[in-house]
Every structure is written in structure tokens, then in C-alpha cells.
Amino acid sequence: MKWMKFFLLLALFPLIMFYFASSSKLTFQAVAFSFGIYFAFIWGVVIYIFLKPANITARGVMKIGLFTGTVGIFIVLILQVLPFVRFFYQEAETKNIFEKLIMFSGVGLIEETVKALPLLWLYIARRKFDSLMTVTFLGCVSGLAFAVAEGVSYSIFYAIGHKRHLFGYGEYLIINFTRLITLPLLHALWSGIVAYFIGLGIFNDRFIKGLIVAGIGLSALLHCLYNTFSQSLIGLIVAITTIMIFISYVRNVDVIQLNIQKMIKEGARDTEPV
């Protein structure tokens, strides 16, 4: 009967929130956070079913989520105070496309690195061992947590913008739903890609540094391109590309592992004395 309870929770959560919002003085932040958790939880279940990770515990998921949602966000806020980092975030509003690419590349690199911190701590610093799909799933959890925390502040910003008539009702609903529903998935997949490369590094220690750099670099690039072109068709293409890359990596894990092993063997032969 667990599935029935789960189904009822997902189906009735908005009604439960409506009841509490009507009978108590829930703040806008509390409502935004609650629905952020709601949609993130749904995506987490979908990703879990797709990846089928092993040895996942609620405690482990909570640790990753709480770290990124609190410490990770705090690190980003602290970094934004630094002149060089503040430059990326302040100038991200420029209309020049080339300047946007430069600024958002910095934003993407910072945020993808921060989201990867709990994974780097667990699997690189502490040498914990898990299956590749488990590492990837926990990376997705980190991305979801980051998106929820970030989404609350953006929801407040959108509400203020709507109150000041910067956009109409329809546009307000669209950008809010995009922030609460679609962007958590994208953040999860970007983090999942980084975690995937970290997981590959666990099994292929010789290339671990290069794999981590490649994973963060790829996710930061996708993050940058989406932010730069989010209001155009290109942004949609980047979002689709992100999803396809993630699915391709997961489905072709055996082929990728085999290619890495071939590279290791070829490298070993090249270093053998003649």
C-alpha cells in the first residue's frame, strides 16, 4: 500500500497547501519553498526510477540535499561578494550576447562546482565507493536541492516584478512554473552529468582529475548556454540537448567504460620499456 500513500500525497499536496494557506498565515516564501520541494520530489522519483541506483537511503539523500541547499547556497552568496565573482553575476544582465556568454560561463562554472562539492567530498576526499548510477543519482539530488533554494529567491523576484507591472499574469505564471518545474530538472541533470564523470573517475583512477574537469566543464557549458539563450528557441534546444546527453550517458555506460579501459591499456603499453 506504499504506492497508494505516495500517490495520494502527490495528488493531494496542492489541496493540502491550499487548506493551510487559507487557514493560516503562510508566507510567500514558505509556499514557494513547499512547491519547490514538491516538484523536486517528483523529479527525484522519476530520476530514481530511470537510474535504478543501489544502496540509496533517505538519510543519505537528506544529507546531500541539506548540504547543497544550505552550505552550497551560502558558498555561492559568499563568492558573489568577491569582486571578480560579483562581476559575473552583475554583468549577466547585459544585452550583448558575447558579454553574456562570458558572464554566464563564470556563473555556470561556479554553480556546477558548488553543486559537485558533496560528491567530491564523499567519493574523492573520503574515498567512498558506490555504483555509478548511485553517484549519478546523488548528483541529481544535489542539483534539485540547489534549484529549490534558488527558486524561492527567484519566485520572490518574479512576484515583485509582477506587482510592479514588469510582466502580465500569463508571463508571470509561465516564468514561475518554469522556475519551479523545469529548471530543477535541468539543474539536476547538469549536476548528474558532473556526478557521472566523478563516478567514472572512481572506477578509473588514472583519469579521475581529467574526468572531473570534463564533467564540470560540460555541465558549466550547458548551464551557460541555457542562461544566455533562455528566452529564445536556442534555450529550448539546449534544454533538450541536456536531457539527451544525460540519457545517452546513462544508457551507454558500458561502452564508455570499455573505451576508458582501452585508453588505460593503450597508455600502459606506451609506457612499457622497449
Protein backbone atom coordinates (compact mmCIF):
# COMPACT_ATOMS: atom_id res chain seq x y z
CA MET A 1 0.00 0.00 0.00
CA LYS A 2 3.02 2.30 -0.01
CA TRP A 3 2.38 3.28 -3.60
CA MET A 4 -1.18 4.30 -2.68
CA LYS A 5 0.05 6.63 0.08
CA PHE A 6 2.64 8.03 -2.28
CA PHE A 7 0.03 8.59 -4.99
CA LEU A 8 -2.33 10.31 -2.57
CA LEU A 9 0.44 12.58 -1.30
CA LEU A 10 1.35 13.72 -4.81
CA ALA A 11 -2.27 14.14 -5.85
CA LEU A 12 -3.47 15.98 -2.75
CA PHE A 13 -0.44 18.09 -1.83
CA PRO A 14 -1.68 21.23 -3.66
CA LEU A 15 -5.05 20.89 -1.89
CA ILE A 16 -3.27 20.49 1.45
CA MET A 17 -1.25 23.62 0.75
CA PHE A 18 -4.43 25.46 -0.22
CA TYR A 19 -6.01 24.48 3.10
CA PHE A 20 -3.03 25.66 5.16
CA ALA A 21 -2.68 28.85 3.14
CA SER A 22 -6.36 29.63 3.76
CA SER A 23 -6.42 28.72 7.45
CA SER A 24 -3.06 30.17 8.48
CA LYS A 25 -0.72 32.97 7.55
CA LEU A 26 1.75 31.12 5.35
CA THR A 27 4.36 33.44 3.89
CA PHE A 28 5.01 33.62 0.17
CA GLN A 29 8.49 32.19 0.78
CA ALA A 30 7.01 29.19 2.61
CA VAL A 31 4.57 28.47 -0.22
CA ALA A 32 7.28 28.82 -2.88
CA PHE A 33 9.62 26.57 -0.91
CA SER A 34 6.91 23.95 -0.36
CA PHE A 35 6.03 23.74 -4.03
CA GLY A 36 9.72 23.74 -4.91
CA ILE A 37 10.15 20.67 -2.69
CA TYR A 38 7.01 19.14 -4.20
CA PHE A 39 8.20 19.34 -7.81
CA ALA A 40 11.78 18.43 -6.88
CA PHE A 41 10.47 15.32 -5.12
CA ILE A 42 8.53 14.29 -8.22
CA TRP A 43 11.61 14.72 -10.42
CA GLY A 44 13.67 12.82 -7.87
CA VAL A 45 11.29 9.87 -8.09
CA VAL A 46 11.35 9.95 -11.91
CA ILE A 47 15.16 10.05 -11.97
CA TYR A 48 15.34 7.28 -9.36
CA ILE A 49 13.13 5.03 -11.48
CA PHE A 50 15.25 5.76 -14.57
CA LEU A 51 18.66 5.25 -12.93
CA LYS A 52 17.74 2.42 -10.54
CA PRO A 53 20.55 3.31 -8.09
CA ALA A 54 21.63 0.87 -5.39
CA ASN A 55 22.04 1.43 -1.65
CA ILE A 56 20.13 4.71 -1.56
CA THR A 57 18.94 5.75 1.89
CA ALA A 58 16.67 8.60 2.90
CA ARG A 59 19.38 9.78 5.30
CA GLY A 60 22.00 9.90 2.56
CA VAL A 61 19.69 11.81 0.24
CA MET A 62 18.81 14.27 3.02
CA LYS A 63 22.48 14.90 3.79
CA ILE A 64 23.27 15.72 0.17
CA GLY A 65 20.18 17.88 -0.22
CA LEU A 66 20.65 19.80 3.02
CA PHE A 67 24.34 20.43 2.33
CA THR A 68 23.76 21.86 -1.13
CA GLY A 69 20.57 23.69 -0.18
CA THR A 70 22.23 25.43 2.77
CA VAL A 71 26.04 25.31 2.72
CA GLY A 72 26.21 25.26 -1.08
CA ILE A 73 23.93 28.28 -1.47
CA PHE A 74 25.82 30.05 1.33
CA ILE A 75 29.12 29.48 -0.51
CA VAL A 76 27.67 30.95 -3.71
CA LEU A 77 26.38 34.00 -1.81
CA ILE A 78 29.79 34.49 -0.17
CA LEU A 79 31.58 34.15 -3.50
CA GLN A 80 29.29 36.78 -5.02
CA VAL A 81 30.76 39.31 -2.59
CA LEU A 82 34.21 38.86 -4.14
CA PRO A 83 34.87 41.50 -6.85
CA PHE A 84 35.81 39.06 -9.62
CA VAL A 85 32.87 36.74 -8.95
CA ARG A 86 30.44 39.61 -8.43
CA PHE A 87 31.43 40.77 -11.90
CA PHE A 88 29.93 37.60 -13.43
CA TYR A 89 26.60 37.95 -11.63
CA GLN A 90 26.19 41.70 -12.01
CA GLU A 91 27.06 41.84 -15.68
CA ALA A 92 24.86 38.86 -16.55
CA GLU A 93 22.08 41.36 -17.33
CA THR A 94 23.96 42.86 -20.28
CA LYS A 95 22.26 42.72 -23.68
CA ASN A 96 25.49 41.98 -25.56
CA ILE A 97 25.45 38.29 -26.46
CA PHE A 98 29.22 37.83 -26.24
CA GLU A 99 29.37 39.52 -22.84
CA LYS A 100 26.50 37.29 -21.69
CA LEU A 101 28.41 34.19 -22.75
CA ILE A 102 31.45 35.29 -20.77
CA MET A 103 29.45 36.23 -17.68
CA PHE A 104 27.25 33.14 -17.66
CA SER A 105 30.25 30.89 -18.23
CA GLY A 106 31.53 32.13 -14.88
CA VAL A 107 28.13 31.62 -13.26
CA GLY A 108 27.86 28.10 -14.68
CA LEU A 109 31.35 27.12 -13.58
CA ILE A 110 30.81 28.39 -10.03
CA GLU A 111 27.39 26.82 -9.52
CA GLU A 112 28.24 23.45 -11.07
CA THR A 113 31.38 23.24 -8.94
CA VAL A 114 29.45 24.11 -5.78
CA LYS A 115 26.78 21.50 -6.55
CA ALA A 116 29.54 18.91 -7.01
CA LEU A 117 31.16 19.62 -3.61
CA PRO A 118 29.26 16.97 -1.59
CA LEU A 119 30.08 14.36 -4.23
CA LEU A 120 33.75 15.37 -4.33
CA TRP A 121 33.87 15.14 -0.54
CA LEU A 122 32.23 11.72 -0.37
CA TYR A 123 33.88 10.00 -3.31
CA ILE A 124 37.21 11.76 -3.77
CA ALA A 125 38.21 13.02 -0.32
CA ARG A 126 36.70 10.17 1.72
CA ARG A 127 37.12 7.50 -0.98
CA LYS A 128 33.59 6.17 -0.58
CA PHE A 129 32.65 3.52 -3.13
CA ASP A 130 29.23 3.26 -4.81
CA SER A 131 27.82 2.20 -8.14
CA LEU A 132 27.98 4.71 -10.99
CA MET A 133 24.20 5.10 -11.02
CA THR A 134 24.17 5.77 -7.27
CA VAL A 135 26.77 8.52 -7.61
CA THR A 136 24.85 9.98 -10.55
CA PHE A 137 21.56 9.94 -8.63
CA LEU A 138 23.08 11.71 -5.62
CA GLY A 139 24.45 14.32 -8.01
CA CYS A 140 20.93 14.87 -9.32
CA VAL A 141 19.71 15.26 -5.72
CA SER A 142 22.33 17.96 -5.17
CA GLY A 143 21.11 19.79 -8.27
CA LEU A 144 17.48 19.57 -7.18
CA ALA A 145 18.32 20.97 -3.75
CA PHE A 146 20.21 23.88 -5.29
CA ALA A 147 17.32 24.62 -7.63
CA VAL A 148 14.76 24.62 -4.80
CA ALA A 149 16.78 27.09 -2.73
CA GLU A 150 17.46 29.27 -5.76
CA GLY A 151 13.85 29.02 -6.91
CA VAL A 152 12.49 30.60 -3.73
CA SER A 153 14.50 33.79 -4.21
CA TYR A 154 13.57 33.95 -7.89
CA SER A 155 9.88 33.45 -7.08
CA ILE A 156 10.04 36.46 -4.77
CA PHE A 157 11.78 38.44 -7.50
CA TYR A 158 9.09 37.47 -10.02
CA ALA A 159 6.30 38.39 -7.59
CA ILE A 160 7.84 41.83 -7.06
CA GLY A 161 8.22 42.24 -10.82
CA HIS A 162 4.59 41.32 -11.37
CA LYS A 163 3.47 43.76 -8.67
CA ARG A 164 5.43 46.50 -10.44
CA HIS A 165 3.75 45.57 -13.75
CA LEU A 166 7.01 44.44 -15.34
CA PHE A 167 5.10 41.50 -16.84
CA GLY A 168 1.49 40.36 -17.04
CA TYR A 169 -0.36 37.49 -15.39
CA GLY A 170 0.34 34.99 -18.15
CA GLU A 171 4.06 35.72 -18.30
CA TYR A 172 4.27 35.62 -14.51
CA LEU A 173 2.69 32.16 -14.42
CA ILE A 174 4.95 30.86 -17.19
CA ILE A 175 8.23 32.03 -15.68
CA ASN A 176 7.21 30.88 -12.20
CA PHE A 177 6.20 27.42 -13.39
CA THR A 178 9.39 27.19 -15.44
CA ARG A 179 11.45 28.08 -12.39
CA LEU A 180 9.61 25.62 -10.12
CA ILE A 181 9.17 22.73 -12.56
CA THR A 182 11.60 22.72 -15.50
CA LEU A 183 14.71 24.37 -14.07
CA PRO A 184 15.01 21.97 -11.11
CA LEU A 185 15.20 19.14 -13.64
CA LEU A 186 17.88 20.93 -15.67
CA HIS A 187 19.89 21.68 -12.53
CA ALA A 188 19.53 18.02 -11.54
CA LEU A 189 20.75 16.79 -14.92
CA TRP A 190 23.69 19.20 -15.04
CA SER A 191 24.74 18.03 -11.59
CA GLY A 192 24.02 14.45 -12.58
CA ILE A 193 26.40 14.75 -15.54
CA VAL A 194 29.17 16.01 -13.24
CA ALA A 195 28.45 13.19 -10.79
CA TYR A 196 28.51 10.70 -13.66
CA PHE A 197 32.05 11.79 -14.54
CA ILE A 198 33.04 11.64 -10.87
CA GLY A 199 31.66 8.10 -10.79
CA LEU A 200 33.68 7.18 -13.86
CA GLY A 201 36.74 8.57 -12.10
CA ILE A 202 36.14 6.29 -9.11
CA PHE A 203 36.43 3.26 -11.38
CA ASN A 204 39.25 4.72 -13.50
CA ASP A 205 41.58 6.39 -11.01
CA ARG A 206 44.20 7.20 -13.63
CA PHE A 207 41.88 9.68 -15.37
CA ILE A 208 39.99 10.91 -12.32
CA LYS A 209 41.20 14.53 -12.44
CA GLY A 210 40.57 14.85 -16.16
CA LEU A 211 37.13 13.28 -15.85
CA ILE A 212 36.11 15.66 -13.06
CA VAL A 213 37.29 18.69 -15.04
CA ALA A 214 35.50 17.40 -18.15
CA GLY A 215 32.26 16.81 -16.25
CA ILE A 216 32.21 20.23 -14.62
CA GLY A 217 33.25 21.86 -17.89
CA LEU A 218 30.49 20.19 -19.91
CA SER A 219 27.78 20.99 -17.37
CA ALA A 220 29.02 24.57 -16.96
CA LEU A 221 28.90 24.98 -20.75
CA LEU A 222 25.32 23.70 -20.96
CA HIS A 223 24.37 25.88 -17.98
CA CYS A 224 25.98 28.91 -19.63
CA LEU A 225 24.30 28.34 -22.99
CA TYR A 226 20.89 27.87 -21.41
CA ASN A 227 21.17 31.02 -19.29
CA THR A 228 22.38 33.03 -22.27
CA PHE A 229 19.62 31.92 -24.65
CA SER A 230 16.86 31.00 -22.18
CA GLN A 231 14.39 33.42 -23.75
CA SER A 232 14.83 32.07 -27.28
CA LEU A 233 14.42 28.83 -29.21
CA ILE A 234 18.12 28.14 -28.65
CA GLY A 235 17.45 27.84 -24.93
CA LEU A 236 14.86 25.14 -25.62
CA ILE A 237 17.38 23.32 -27.84
CA VAL A 238 19.99 23.48 -25.06
CA ALA A 239 17.46 22.06 -22.58
CA ILE A 240 16.62 19.19 -24.95
CA THR A 241 20.34 18.62 -25.56
CA THR A 242 20.95 18.42 -21.81
CA ILE A 243 18.28 15.76 -21.42
CA MET A 244 19.56 13.76 -24.40
CA ILE A 245 23.17 13.89 -23.20
CA PHE A 246 22.17 12.66 -19.76
CA ILE A 247 20.07 9.81 -21.16
CA SER A 248 22.83 8.85 -23.62
CA TYR A 249 25.46 8.70 -20.89
CA VAL A 250 23.28 6.51 -18.69
CA ARG A 251 22.28 4.14 -21.50
CA ASN A 252 25.81 3.80 -22.89
CA VAL A 253 27.69 3.42 -19.62
CA ASP A 254 29.14 0.03 -20.59
CA VAL A 255 30.50 1.37 -23.89
CA ILE A 256 32.03 4.41 -22.18
CA GLN A 257 33.63 2.24 -19.50
CA LEU A 258 35.06 -0.06 -22.19
CA ASN A 259 36.55 2.87 -24.11
CA ILE A 260 38.20 4.22 -20.96
CA GLN A 261 39.65 0.79 -20.18
CA LYS A 262 41.06 0.62 -23.72
CA MET A 263 42.69 4.03 -23.21
CA ILE A 264 44.24 2.81 -19.95
CA LYS A 265 45.61 -0.34 -21.60
CA GLU A 266 47.00 1.62 -24.56
CA GLY A 267 48.61 4.09 -22.18
CA ALA A 268 50.16 1.24 -20.22
CA ARG A 269 51.63 -0.27 -23.40
CA ASP A 270 53.07 3.09 -24.43
CA THR A 271 54.89 3.41 -21.10
CA GLU A 272 56.38 -0.10 -21.18
CA PRO A 273 60.18 -0.15 -21.61
CA VAL A 274 61.41 -1.31 -25.01
